[in-house]
C-alpha atoms as a PDB file:
ATOM      1  CA  MET A   1     -86.458 193.918 108.662  1.00  0.00           C
ATOM      2  CA  GLU A   2     -85.613 194.378 104.227  1.00  0.00           C
ATOM      3  CA  THR A   3     -87.099 192.805 101.815  1.00  0.00           C
ATOM      4  CA  TYR A   4     -85.628 191.976  97.917  1.00  0.00           C
ATOM      5  CA  THR A   5     -87.215 190.273  95.154  1.00  0.00           C
ATOM      6  CA  GLU A   6     -85.546 189.179  92.264  1.00  0.00           C
ATOM      7  CA  ASP A   7     -87.895 188.962  88.258  1.00  0.00           C
ATOM      8  CA  VAL A   8     -87.340 185.734  86.873  1.00  0.00           C
ATOM      9  CA  ILE A   9     -87.998 184.877  82.715  1.00  0.00           C
ATOM     10  CA  VAL A  10     -90.727 182.033  83.353  1.00  0.00           C
ATOM     11  CA  GLY A  11     -90.979 182.196  79.671  1.00  0.00           C
ATOM     12  CA  THR A  12     -91.862 184.055  76.150  1.00  0.00           C
ATOM     13  CA  TRP A  13     -94.702 185.203  74.478  1.00  0.00           C
ATOM     14  CA  THR A  14     -95.598 184.725  70.725  1.00  0.00           C
ATOM     15  CA  ARG A  15     -97.734 186.599  68.428  1.00  0.00           C
ATOM     16  CA  THR A  16    -100.732 183.997  66.978  1.00  0.00           C
ATOM     17  CA  ALA A  17    -101.976 185.310  63.613  1.00  0.00           C
ATOM     18  CA  PHE A  18    -105.115 183.688  62.202  1.00  0.00           C
ATOM     19  CA  SER A  19    -105.692 184.818  59.241  1.00  0.00           C
ATOM     20  CA  GLY A  20    -109.433 183.637  58.541  1.00  0.00           C
ATOM     21  CA  ALA A  21    -108.364 180.809  56.343  1.00  0.00           C
ATOM     22  CA  LEU A  22    -111.185 177.849  55.536  1.00  0.00           C
ATOM     23  CA  PRO A  23    -109.325 174.865  54.380  1.00  0.00           C
ATOM     24  CA  ALA A  24    -111.284 173.688  50.568  1.00  0.00           C
ATOM     25  CA  ARG A  25    -113.194 171.102  52.367  1.00  0.00           C
ATOM     26  CA  ARG A  26    -115.016 173.203  53.993  1.00  0.00           C
ATOM     27  CA  VAL A  27    -115.829 175.342  51.981  1.00  0.00           C
ATOM     28  CA  ASN A  28    -117.338 173.162  49.148  1.00  0.00           C
ATOM     29  CA  GLU A  29    -119.496 171.254  51.886  1.00  0.00           C
ATOM     30  CA  LEU A  30    -120.108 174.840  53.143  1.00  0.00           C
ATOM     31  CA  ARG A  31    -121.022 175.933  49.415  1.00  0.00           C
ATOM     32  CA  GLU A  32    -123.727 172.539  49.251  1.00  0.00           C
ATOM     33  CA  ARG A  33    -124.776 173.766  52.112  1.00  0.00           C
ATOM     34  CA  VAL A  34    -125.598 176.982  50.493  1.00  0.00           C
ATOM     35  CA  ALA A  35    -126.802 175.267  47.086  1.00  0.00           C
ATOM     36  CA  LYS A  36    -129.222 172.890  49.025  1.00  0.00           C
ATOM     37  CA  LEU A  37    -130.723 175.875  50.359  1.00  0.00           C
ATOM     38  CA  GLN A  38    -130.942 178.167  47.074  1.00  0.00           C
ATOM     39  CA  ALA A  39    -133.035 174.744  45.079  1.00  0.00           C
ATOM     40  CA  ALA A  40    -135.200 174.836  48.565  1.00  0.00           C
ATOM     41  CA  ILE A  41    -135.743 178.020  48.249  1.00  0.00           C
ATOM     42  CA  LYS A  42    -136.068 178.159  45.352  1.00  0.00           C
ATOM     43  CA  PHE A  43    -138.268 175.518  45.042  1.00  0.00           C
ATOM     44  CA  ALA A  44    -140.943 177.333  47.930  1.00  0.00           C
ATOM     45  CA  ARG A  45    -141.066 180.267  45.396  1.00  0.00           C
ATOM     46  CA  GLU A  46    -142.664 178.426  42.860  1.00  0.00           C
ATOM     47  CA  GLU A  47    -145.348 176.230  45.241  1.00  0.00           C
ATOM     48  CA  ALA A  48    -146.457 179.532  46.904  1.00  0.00           C
ATOM     49  CA  ASN A  49    -146.847 180.910  43.596  1.00  0.00           C
ATOM     50  CA  GLY A  50    -148.714 178.713  42.294  1.00  0.00           C
ATOM     51  CA  ALA A  51    -150.550 177.947  44.890  1.00  0.00           C
ATOM     52  CA  GLU A  52    -153.388 181.516  45.765  1.00  0.00           C
ATOM     53  CA  VAL A  53    -154.795 182.717  49.090  1.00  0.00           C
ATOM     54  CA  THR A  54    -158.404 182.380  49.584  1.00  0.00           C
ATOM     55  CA  ASP A  55    -158.876 183.354  53.107  1.00  0.00           C
ATOM     56  CA  ARG A  56    -156.721 186.666  54.532  1.00  0.00           C
ATOM     57  CA  LYS A  57    -155.808 185.500  57.230  1.00  0.00           C
ATOM     58  CA  VAL A  58    -153.913 182.271  56.310  1.00  0.00           C
ATOM     59  CA  GLY A  59    -151.851 185.120  54.252  1.00  0.00           C
ATOM     60  CA  GLU A  60    -151.347 187.604  57.160  1.00  0.00           C
ATOM     61  CA  ALA A  61    -148.919 185.073  59.757  1.00  0.00           C
ATOM     62  CA  VAL A  62    -147.775 184.630  56.392  1.00  0.00           C
ATOM     63  CA  PHE A  63    -147.320 188.456  55.966  1.00  0.00           C
ATOM     64  CA  GLY A  64    -146.482 188.680  60.233  1.00  0.00           C
ATOM     65  CA  TYR A  65    -144.659 185.485  60.344  1.00  0.00           C
ATOM     66  CA  LEU A  66    -142.055 186.624  57.334  1.00  0.00           C
ATOM     67  CA  PHE A  67    -141.744 190.435  57.779  1.00  0.00           C
ATOM     68  CA  ALA A  68    -141.861 190.786  61.896  1.00  0.00           C
END
Protein backbone atom coordinates (compact mmCIF):
# COMPACT_ATOMS: atom_id res chain seq x y z
CA MET A 1 0.00 0.00 0.00
CA GLU A 2 1.36 3.39 -1.00
CA THR A 3 0.33 6.76 0.48
CA TYR A 4 0.31 9.90 -1.60
CA THR A 5 0.04 13.41 -0.09
CA GLU A 6 -0.56 16.71 -1.80
CA ASP A 7 0.12 20.22 -0.46
CA VAL A 8 -2.93 22.42 -0.74
CA ILE A 9 -2.61 26.18 -0.23
CA VAL A 10 -5.33 27.23 2.18
CA GLY A 11 -4.44 30.90 2.69
CA THR A 12 -1.64 33.42 2.87
CA TRP A 13 0.09 35.13 5.76
CA THR A 14 -0.03 38.87 6.19
CA ARG A 15 2.16 40.93 8.47
CA THR A 16 0.47 43.35 10.85
CA ALA A 17 2.54 45.99 12.62
CA PHE A 18 1.48 48.12 15.57
CA SER A 19 3.14 51.49 15.87
CA GLY A 20 2.06 52.04 19.46
CA ALA A 21 0.59 55.41 18.61
CA LEU A 22 -2.56 56.38 20.50
CA PRO A 23 -5.47 58.40 19.16
CA ALA A 24 -5.37 62.10 20.07
CA ARG A 25 -8.48 61.76 22.25
CA ARG A 26 -6.85 59.05 24.36
CA VAL A 27 -3.64 61.07 24.68
CA ASN A 28 -5.64 64.07 25.94
CA GLU A 29 -7.51 61.87 28.45
CA LEU A 30 -4.21 60.54 29.79
CA ARG A 31 -2.76 64.06 30.01
CA GLU A 32 -5.78 65.19 32.04
CA ARG A 33 -5.40 62.24 34.40
CA VAL A 34 -1.68 62.97 34.86
CA ALA A 35 -2.44 66.65 35.52
CA LYS A 36 -5.02 65.70 38.18
CA LEU A 37 -2.54 63.31 39.79
CA GLN A 38 0.17 65.99 39.80
CA ALA A 39 -2.23 68.45 41.45
CA ALA A 40 -3.17 65.89 44.10
CA ILE A 41 0.49 65.15 44.85
CA LYS A 42 1.28 68.86 45.07
CA PHE A 43 -1.63 69.38 47.49
CA ALA A 44 -0.57 66.39 49.60
CA ARG A 45 3.01 67.66 49.81
CA GLU A 46 1.86 71.14 50.84
CA GLU A 47 -0.38 69.63 53.53
CA ALA A 48 2.41 67.35 54.74
CA ASN A 49 4.89 70.23 54.95
CA GLY A 50 2.45 72.13 57.16
CA ALA A 51 1.90 69.23 59.53
CA GLU A 52 4.14 68.40 62.43
CA VAL A 53 4.58 64.80 63.50
CA THR A 54 4.91 64.57 67.25
CA ASP A 55 4.61 60.82 67.61
CA ARG A 56 7.61 58.90 66.26
CA LYS A 57 5.50 55.80 65.55
CA VAL A 58 3.30 57.67 63.09
CA GLY A 59 6.32 59.05 61.24
CA GLU A 60 7.97 55.63 61.08
CA ALA A 61 4.75 54.04 59.83
CA VAL A 62 4.38 56.61 57.06
CA PHE A 63 8.06 56.33 56.13
CA GLY A 64 7.84 52.53 56.14
CA TYR A 65 4.75 52.58 53.93
CA LEU A 66 6.29 54.95 51.40
CA PHE A 67 9.75 53.40 51.22
CA ALA A 68 9.18 49.73 52.02
